[in-house]
Amino acid sequence: MSKYLVTYIGGATPETTTQAERETIMKAWMDWFGSLGEAVVDIGNPTGPARTVRPGGEVSDDGLGITGYSIISADSLEAAADACGRHPHLEAGGTITISEALDVG
């Protein structure tokens, strides 16, 4: 099995929801993680403000819009994408990018 970085982009922000809505959202996420069982390597975390550093050291505030990440294991990129096709982040209007974490060791 390979590991895959699941990157969450966009979606509704919890600050714009009620406490009850946040609890419903969190339950949906935890249910999704639960459905993957041992394939969850790291449930990850949301991310905050981002900056981009370019060659030469130029820094700008135009981060990629990443709102969080997780790490899962799967037999293939296709299997990882299939598992993410049921993710509640999609219901919040966000997108998901899945990248294989290559072993360089």
N, C-alpha and C. Protein backbone atom coordinates (compact mmCIF):
# COMPACT_ATOMS: atom_id res chain seq x y z
N MET A 1 0.84 -1.19 0.00
CA MET A 1 0.00 0.00 0.00
C MET A 1 0.88 1.24 0.00
N SER A 2 0.41 2.24 -0.69
CA SER A 2 1.10 3.52 -0.74
C SER A 2 0.35 4.53 0.12
N LYS A 3 1.06 5.60 0.48
CA LYS A 3 0.44 6.70 1.22
C LYS A 3 0.09 7.81 0.25
N TYR A 4 -1.02 8.49 0.54
CA TYR A 4 -1.51 9.57 -0.30
C TYR A 4 -1.82 10.80 0.55
N LEU A 5 -1.33 11.94 0.08
CA LEU A 5 -1.63 13.21 0.71
C LEU A 5 -2.95 13.70 0.13
N VAL A 6 -3.92 13.89 0.99
CA VAL A 6 -5.23 14.39 0.59
C VAL A 6 -5.26 15.86 0.98
N THR A 7 -5.33 16.73 -0.02
CA THR A 7 -5.29 18.17 0.21
C THR A 7 -6.67 18.75 -0.04
N TYR A 8 -7.20 19.45 0.95
CA TYR A 8 -8.52 20.06 0.84
C TYR A 8 -8.36 21.52 0.42
N ILE A 9 -9.17 21.93 -0.55
CA ILE A 9 -9.09 23.29 -1.06
C ILE A 9 -10.50 23.89 -1.04
N GLY A 10 -10.59 25.11 -0.50
CA GLY A 10 -11.86 25.82 -0.49
C GLY A 10 -12.88 25.17 0.43
N GLY A 11 -14.14 25.37 0.10
CA GLY A 11 -15.23 24.83 0.91
C GLY A 11 -15.71 25.86 1.91
N ALA A 12 -16.85 25.59 2.50
CA ALA A 12 -17.44 26.48 3.50
C ALA A 12 -16.55 26.51 4.73
N THR A 13 -16.36 27.67 5.29
CA THR A 13 -15.54 27.79 6.49
C THR A 13 -16.39 27.62 7.74
N PRO A 14 -15.88 26.92 8.75
CA PRO A 14 -16.66 26.70 9.97
C PRO A 14 -17.09 27.99 10.66
N GLU A 15 -16.36 29.09 10.45
CA GLU A 15 -16.74 30.35 11.10
C GLU A 15 -18.09 30.87 10.60
N THR A 16 -18.52 30.40 9.43
CA THR A 16 -19.77 30.91 8.86
C THR A 16 -20.95 29.99 9.18
N THR A 17 -20.75 29.04 10.07
CA THR A 17 -21.82 28.11 10.41
C THR A 17 -22.17 28.23 11.89
N THR A 18 -23.32 27.67 12.25
CA THR A 18 -23.72 27.64 13.66
C THR A 18 -23.01 26.50 14.37
N GLN A 19 -23.09 26.50 15.69
CA GLN A 19 -22.48 25.42 16.47
C GLN A 19 -23.07 24.07 16.06
N ALA A 20 -24.38 24.00 15.88
CA ALA A 20 -25.02 22.74 15.48
C ALA A 20 -24.52 22.29 14.11
N GLU A 21 -24.36 23.23 13.19
CA GLU A 21 -23.85 22.88 11.86
C GLU A 21 -22.41 22.39 11.95
N ARG A 22 -21.59 23.03 12.79
CA ARG A 22 -20.20 22.60 12.96
C ARG A 22 -20.15 21.18 13.51
N GLU A 23 -21.03 20.86 14.46
CA GLU A 23 -21.07 19.51 15.02
C GLU A 23 -21.48 18.49 13.96
N THR A 24 -22.44 18.85 13.12
CA THR A 24 -22.87 17.96 12.03
C THR A 24 -21.74 17.74 11.04
N ILE A 25 -21.02 18.83 10.70
CA ILE A 25 -19.89 18.73 9.77
C ILE A 25 -18.80 17.84 10.37
N MET A 26 -18.46 18.06 11.63
CA MET A 26 -17.41 17.26 12.28
C MET A 26 -17.81 15.79 12.33
N LYS A 27 -19.07 15.51 12.60
CA LYS A 27 -19.53 14.11 12.62
C LYS A 27 -19.39 13.49 11.24
N ALA A 28 -19.74 14.23 10.19
CA ALA A 28 -19.60 13.69 8.83
C ALA A 28 -18.14 13.37 8.52
N TRP A 29 -17.23 14.27 8.92
CA TRP A 29 -15.80 14.01 8.69
C TRP A 29 -15.35 12.78 9.47
N MET A 30 -15.73 12.68 10.74
CA MET A 30 -15.30 11.54 11.55
C MET A 30 -15.92 10.24 11.04
N ASP A 31 -17.14 10.30 10.55
CA ASP A 31 -17.75 9.12 9.94
C ASP A 31 -16.98 8.69 8.70
N TRP A 32 -16.54 9.68 7.90
CA TRP A 32 -15.76 9.35 6.70
C TRP A 32 -14.44 8.70 7.10
N PHE A 33 -13.74 9.30 8.06
CA PHE A 33 -12.49 8.69 8.53
C PHE A 33 -12.76 7.28 9.06
N GLY A 34 -13.85 7.11 9.81
CA GLY A 34 -14.20 5.80 10.34
C GLY A 34 -14.45 4.78 9.24
N SER A 35 -15.02 5.23 8.13
CA SER A 35 -15.30 4.30 7.02
C SER A 35 -14.03 3.78 6.37
N LEU A 36 -12.92 4.52 6.53
CA LEU A 36 -11.64 4.09 5.96
C LEU A 36 -10.87 3.17 6.89
N GLY A 37 -11.22 3.15 8.16
CA GLY A 37 -10.56 2.26 9.11
C GLY A 37 -9.06 2.52 9.19
N GLU A 38 -8.29 1.43 9.09
CA GLU A 38 -6.83 1.51 9.24
C GLU A 38 -6.15 2.20 8.07
N ALA A 39 -6.88 2.54 7.02
CA ALA A 39 -6.29 3.26 5.89
C ALA A 39 -5.97 4.72 6.25
N VAL A 40 -6.51 5.18 7.36
CA VAL A 40 -6.21 6.55 7.81
C VAL A 40 -4.85 6.53 8.50
N VAL A 41 -3.89 7.20 7.89
CA VAL A 41 -2.55 7.30 8.46
C VAL A 41 -2.49 8.49 9.41
N ASP A 42 -3.06 9.62 9.00
CA ASP A 42 -3.06 10.85 9.79
C ASP A 42 -4.31 11.62 9.39
N ILE A 43 -5.23 11.87 10.35
CA ILE A 43 -6.45 12.60 9.97
C ILE A 43 -6.12 14.02 9.55
N GLY A 44 -4.93 14.51 9.92
CA GLY A 44 -4.49 15.83 9.48
C GLY A 44 -5.08 16.94 10.31
N ASN A 45 -5.11 18.11 9.71
CA ASN A 45 -5.57 19.33 10.38
C ASN A 45 -6.01 20.34 9.36
N PRO A 46 -6.83 21.31 9.79
CA PRO A 46 -7.09 22.45 8.93
C PRO A 46 -5.82 23.30 8.87
N THR A 47 -5.74 24.16 7.89
CA THR A 47 -4.60 25.06 7.77
C THR A 47 -5.08 26.50 7.88
N GLY A 48 -4.15 27.38 8.21
CA GLY A 48 -4.46 28.80 8.35
C GLY A 48 -3.93 29.60 7.18
N PRO A 49 -3.71 30.89 7.39
CA PRO A 49 -3.21 31.75 6.33
C PRO A 49 -1.91 31.19 5.73
N ALA A 50 -1.71 31.45 4.45
CA ALA A 50 -0.53 30.92 3.75
C ALA A 50 0.20 32.02 2.99
N ARG A 51 1.47 31.79 2.79
CA ARG A 51 2.29 32.67 1.96
C ARG A 51 3.04 31.81 0.98
N THR A 52 3.37 32.38 -0.16
CA THR A 52 4.17 31.71 -1.18
C THR A 52 5.55 32.33 -1.21
N VAL A 53 6.57 31.49 -1.17
CA VAL A 53 7.96 31.96 -1.28
C VAL A 53 8.48 31.51 -2.64
N ARG A 54 8.96 32.45 -3.41
CA ARG A 54 9.44 32.18 -4.77
C ARG A 54 10.97 32.22 -4.81
N PRO A 55 11.54 31.67 -5.88
CA PRO A 55 13.00 31.77 -6.02
C PRO A 55 13.44 33.22 -5.86
N GLY A 56 14.54 33.41 -5.19
CA GLY A 56 15.02 34.76 -4.93
C GLY A 56 14.50 35.32 -3.62
N GLY A 57 13.59 34.58 -2.95
CA GLY A 57 13.10 34.98 -1.65
C GLY A 57 11.87 35.87 -1.65
N GLU A 58 11.28 36.16 -2.82
CA GLU A 58 10.07 36.98 -2.86
C GLU A 58 8.94 36.24 -2.14
N VAL A 59 8.26 36.94 -1.25
CA VAL A 59 7.15 36.36 -0.48
C VAL A 59 5.87 37.11 -0.83
N SER A 60 4.81 36.35 -1.07
CA SER A 60 3.51 36.96 -1.35
C SER A 60 2.42 36.23 -0.58
N ASP A 61 1.27 36.88 -0.45
CA ASP A 61 0.15 36.32 0.30
C ASP A 61 -0.80 35.49 -0.56
N ASP A 62 -0.36 35.05 -1.73
CA ASP A 62 -1.25 34.31 -2.64
C ASP A 62 -1.05 32.80 -2.51
N GLY A 63 -1.29 32.29 -1.29
CA GLY A 63 -1.20 30.85 -1.07
C GLY A 63 -2.18 30.10 -1.96
N LEU A 64 -2.07 28.79 -1.99
CA LEU A 64 -2.86 27.97 -2.90
C LEU A 64 -4.32 27.78 -2.49
N GLY A 65 -4.72 28.30 -1.38
CA GLY A 65 -6.10 28.12 -0.93
C GLY A 65 -6.32 26.78 -0.25
N ILE A 66 -5.24 26.15 0.20
CA ILE A 66 -5.36 24.87 0.90
C ILE A 66 -6.00 25.13 2.26
N THR A 67 -7.05 24.38 2.57
CA THR A 67 -7.74 24.56 3.84
C THR A 67 -7.47 23.43 4.83
N GLY A 68 -6.75 22.39 4.38
CA GLY A 68 -6.41 21.30 5.29
C GLY A 68 -5.81 20.14 4.55
N TYR A 69 -5.46 19.12 5.31
CA TYR A 69 -4.85 17.92 4.71
C TYR A 69 -5.14 16.69 5.56
N SER A 70 -5.01 15.53 4.96
CA SER A 70 -5.02 14.24 5.64
C SER A 70 -4.05 13.34 4.89
N ILE A 71 -3.68 12.22 5.49
CA ILE A 71 -2.86 11.22 4.82
C ILE A 71 -3.57 9.89 4.97
N ILE A 72 -3.79 9.22 3.83
CA ILE A 72 -4.43 7.91 3.83
C ILE A 72 -3.54 6.91 3.09
N SER A 73 -3.81 5.65 3.27
CA SER A 73 -3.12 4.63 2.49
C SER A 73 -4.14 3.94 1.60
N ALA A 74 -3.67 3.53 0.43
CA ALA A 74 -4.54 2.86 -0.53
C ALA A 74 -3.68 2.03 -1.47
N ASP A 75 -4.33 1.11 -2.18
CA ASP A 75 -3.61 0.25 -3.13
C ASP A 75 -3.16 1.00 -4.38
N SER A 76 -3.84 2.12 -4.70
CA SER A 76 -3.52 2.86 -5.91
C SER A 76 -4.07 4.28 -5.80
N LEU A 77 -3.61 5.14 -6.69
CA LEU A 77 -4.14 6.50 -6.74
C LEU A 77 -5.63 6.47 -7.05
N GLU A 78 -6.03 5.56 -7.92
CA GLU A 78 -7.45 5.43 -8.26
C GLU A 78 -8.27 5.04 -7.04
N ALA A 79 -7.75 4.11 -6.23
CA ALA A 79 -8.47 3.69 -5.02
C ALA A 79 -8.56 4.84 -4.02
N ALA A 80 -7.49 5.63 -3.90
CA ALA A 80 -7.51 6.78 -3.00
C ALA A 80 -8.53 7.81 -3.49
N ALA A 81 -8.56 8.05 -4.79
CA ALA A 81 -9.53 9.01 -5.35
C ALA A 81 -10.95 8.51 -5.15
N ASP A 82 -11.16 7.21 -5.30
CA ASP A 82 -12.49 6.64 -5.10
C ASP A 82 -12.94 6.85 -3.65
N ALA A 83 -12.03 6.62 -2.70
CA ALA A 83 -12.37 6.82 -1.29
C ALA A 83 -12.71 8.28 -1.01
N CYS A 84 -12.02 9.20 -1.66
CA CYS A 84 -12.26 10.63 -1.45
C CYS A 84 -13.51 11.12 -2.17
N GLY A 85 -14.02 10.36 -3.10
CA GLY A 85 -15.23 10.74 -3.81
C GLY A 85 -16.45 10.80 -2.91
N ARG A 86 -16.34 10.22 -1.73
CA ARG A 86 -17.44 10.23 -0.75
C ARG A 86 -17.17 11.21 0.40
N HIS A 87 -16.16 12.06 0.24
CA HIS A 87 -15.73 12.94 1.34
C HIS A 87 -16.71 14.09 1.56
N PRO A 88 -17.04 14.41 2.82
CA PRO A 88 -17.98 15.51 3.11
C PRO A 88 -17.46 16.88 2.69
N HIS A 89 -16.16 17.04 2.49
CA HIS A 89 -15.63 18.33 2.04
C HIS A 89 -16.22 18.72 0.69
N LEU A 90 -16.51 17.73 -0.12
CA LEU A 90 -17.10 18.00 -1.44
C LEU A 90 -18.50 18.58 -1.30
N GLU A 91 -19.24 18.12 -0.29
CA GLU A 91 -20.59 18.64 -0.05
C GLU A 91 -20.56 20.09 0.42
N ALA A 92 -19.42 20.54 0.94
CA ALA A 92 -19.27 21.92 1.41
C ALA A 92 -18.77 22.83 0.29
N GLY A 93 -18.73 22.31 -0.94
CA GLY A 93 -18.30 23.11 -2.08
C GLY A 93 -16.81 23.14 -2.31
N GLY A 94 -16.07 22.34 -1.55
CA GLY A 94 -14.61 22.30 -1.71
C GLY A 94 -14.18 21.27 -2.74
N THR A 95 -12.90 21.29 -3.03
CA THR A 95 -12.31 20.29 -3.91
C THR A 95 -11.21 19.56 -3.14
N ILE A 96 -10.81 18.42 -3.68
CA ILE A 96 -9.79 17.60 -3.05
C ILE A 96 -8.76 17.23 -4.11
N THR A 97 -7.49 17.37 -3.75
CA THR A 97 -6.40 16.91 -4.60
C THR A 97 -5.70 15.76 -3.87
N ILE A 98 -5.43 14.68 -4.56
CA ILE A 98 -4.77 13.53 -3.97
C ILE A 98 -3.43 13.33 -4.67
N SER A 99 -2.37 13.25 -3.87
CA SER A 99 -1.02 13.08 -4.41
C SER A 99 -0.36 11.91 -3.72
N GLU A 100 0.27 11.03 -4.49
CA GLU A 100 1.01 9.93 -3.87
C GLU A 100 2.25 10.47 -3.18
N ALA A 101 2.44 10.05 -1.93
CA ALA A 101 3.64 10.41 -1.17
C ALA A 101 4.70 9.36 -1.51
N LEU A 102 5.66 9.74 -2.32
CA LEU A 102 6.66 8.81 -2.81
C LEU A 102 7.71 8.54 -1.74
N ASP A 103 8.13 7.29 -1.64
CA ASP A 103 9.16 6.88 -0.70
C ASP A 103 10.52 7.09 -1.34
N VAL A 104 11.31 7.97 -0.78
CA VAL A 104 12.63 8.25 -1.35
C VAL A 104 13.74 7.55 -0.59
N GLY A 105 13.38 6.77 0.42
CA GLY A 105 14.36 6.12 1.25
C GLY A 105 14.84 4.82 0.73
